[in-house]
Amino acid sequence: MRTLVIAMAMIFFGFSSAQAGCANRSTQAAMNKCAHNSYKSTDKRMNRVYRMAMKVQKSDHKQALRKAQRSWVTFRDNACKSYSHLGDAGSIRPLLYSDCLARLTNERTKMLELQTLRF
């Protein structure tokens, strides 16, 4: 039953596009490592975009962006910990966690990219 729940969650939520390169891995450990590396790459990109957004913000807006980003990181980490509990009984949990981190981080990066624009 637990396997069915995990499979349904994976179908419903899907894997991130970064995860697609991990599909050809032959062991769960290799898939977990690939997913973690994909997340780390995504996180580095988000941090670069965040620094760019901070540079173009007016000084009175920088504090609000910094506070929002810190709150968002806390939200992301907690949301993905909760989501990854679907895999409590098996070795898929790290993959679920890393994939969730990558997906949410990609979404946040898109939002931050908008804040790098100058009008």
Protein backbone atom coordinates (compact mmCIF):
# COMPACT_ATOMS: atom_id res chain seq x y z
CA MET A 1 0.00 0.00 0.00
CA ARG A 2 2.82 2.40 0.90
CA THR A 3 4.45 1.79 -2.49
CA LEU A 4 1.18 2.69 -4.19
CA VAL A 5 0.96 5.96 -2.23
CA ILE A 6 4.53 6.89 -3.19
CA ALA A 7 3.92 6.02 -6.84
CA MET A 8 0.74 8.10 -6.88
CA ALA A 9 2.53 11.06 -5.30
CA MET A 10 5.31 10.84 -7.87
CA ILE A 11 2.78 10.78 -10.71
CA PHE A 12 0.68 13.59 -9.21
CA PHE A 13 3.57 15.89 -8.34
CA GLY A 14 5.90 14.70 -11.09
CA PHE A 15 9.65 14.99 -11.03
CA SER A 16 11.42 18.23 -11.77
CA SER A 17 13.01 18.76 -15.15
CA ALA A 18 16.40 18.60 -13.42
CA GLN A 19 15.43 15.12 -12.27
CA ALA A 20 15.00 13.88 -15.83
CA GLY A 21 18.74 13.26 -16.17
CA CYS A 22 18.56 10.93 -13.18
CA ALA A 23 16.08 8.54 -14.77
CA ASN A 24 18.82 6.40 -16.29
CA ARG A 25 20.50 5.66 -12.95
CA SER A 26 20.40 1.97 -12.08
CA THR A 27 20.32 2.06 -8.27
CA GLN A 28 18.33 4.03 -5.74
CA ALA A 29 21.57 5.37 -4.25
CA ALA A 30 22.64 6.67 -7.67
CA MET A 31 19.24 8.29 -8.24
CA ASN A 32 19.38 9.88 -4.78
CA LYS A 33 22.85 11.30 -5.46
CA CYS A 34 21.82 12.60 -8.88
CA ALA A 35 18.73 14.28 -7.40
CA HIS A 36 20.84 15.87 -4.67
CA ASN A 37 23.33 17.18 -7.24
CA SER A 38 20.48 18.57 -9.34
CA TYR A 39 19.10 20.39 -6.31
CA LYS A 40 22.53 21.82 -5.43
CA SER A 41 22.91 23.17 -8.96
CA THR A 42 19.44 24.71 -8.82
CA ASP A 43 20.18 26.25 -5.42
CA LYS A 44 23.41 27.85 -6.68
CA ARG A 45 21.50 29.39 -9.58
CA MET A 46 18.81 30.75 -7.25
CA ASN A 47 21.46 32.30 -5.01
CA ARG A 48 23.08 34.04 -8.01
CA VAL A 49 19.70 35.43 -9.07
CA TYR A 50 18.95 36.51 -5.48
CA ARG A 51 22.24 38.45 -5.33
CA MET A 52 21.37 40.15 -8.63
CA ALA A 53 17.91 41.04 -7.30
CA MET A 54 19.45 42.51 -4.14
CA LYS A 55 21.76 44.69 -6.26
CA VAL A 56 18.93 46.31 -8.19
CA GLN A 57 16.57 46.84 -5.24
CA LYS A 58 16.23 50.27 -3.72
CA SER A 59 17.78 50.35 -0.27
CA ASP A 60 14.40 50.47 1.50
CA HIS A 61 13.27 47.33 -0.39
CA LYS A 62 16.37 45.25 0.30
CA GLN A 63 15.34 44.47 3.87
CA ALA A 64 11.92 43.24 2.72
CA LEU A 65 13.48 41.01 0.05
CA ARG A 66 16.02 39.61 2.52
CA LYS A 67 13.25 38.84 5.03
CA ALA A 68 11.07 37.25 2.35
CA GLN A 69 13.93 35.08 1.11
CA ARG A 70 14.81 33.84 4.58
CA SER A 71 11.16 33.04 5.27
CA TRP A 72 10.85 31.29 1.93
CA VAL A 73 13.91 29.08 2.61
CA THR A 74 12.37 28.01 5.93
CA PHE A 75 9.06 27.27 4.19
CA ARG A 76 10.76 25.28 1.40
CA ASP A 77 12.81 23.17 3.77
CA ASN A 78 9.83 22.36 6.00
CA ALA A 79 7.49 21.68 3.08
CA CYS A 80 9.97 19.26 1.52
CA LYS A 81 10.63 17.49 4.82
CA SER A 82 6.90 16.96 5.12
CA TYR A 83 6.58 15.77 1.51
CA SER A 84 9.51 13.37 1.80
CA HIS A 85 7.81 11.52 4.67
CA LEU A 86 5.91 9.66 1.97
CA GLY A 87 9.11 7.66 1.64
CA ASP A 88 9.67 7.01 5.35
CA ALA A 89 9.79 3.27 4.88
CA GLY A 90 12.33 3.19 2.09
CA SER A 91 15.41 4.47 0.39
CA ILE A 92 13.40 6.76 -1.90
CA ARG A 93 13.02 9.43 0.80
CA PRO A 94 16.23 11.32 -0.13
CA LEU A 95 15.12 11.42 -3.76
CA LEU A 96 11.69 12.79 -2.80
CA TYR A 97 13.32 15.42 -0.58
CA SER A 98 15.89 16.55 -3.15
CA ASP A 99 13.34 16.61 -5.96
CA CYS A 100 10.98 18.73 -3.88
CA LEU A 101 13.81 21.14 -3.03
CA ALA A 102 14.74 21.44 -6.71
CA ARG A 103 11.15 22.04 -7.86
CA LEU A 104 10.41 24.70 -5.26
CA THR A 105 13.79 26.35 -5.76
CA ASN A 106 13.18 26.55 -9.53
CA GLU A 107 9.85 28.24 -8.87
CA ARG A 108 11.42 30.73 -6.47
CA THR A 109 14.20 31.49 -8.94
CA LYS A 110 11.60 32.49 -11.52
CA MET A 111 10.03 34.88 -9.02
CA LEU A 112 13.41 36.36 -8.13
CA GLU A 113 14.25 36.84 -11.80
CA LEU A 114 11.30 39.22 -12.02
CA GLN A 115 12.82 41.26 -9.20
CA THR A 116 16.02 41.76 -11.19
CA LEU A 117 14.14 43.77 -13.84
CA ARG A 118 14.35 47.52 -13.82
CA PHE A 119 11.39 49.54 -15.02
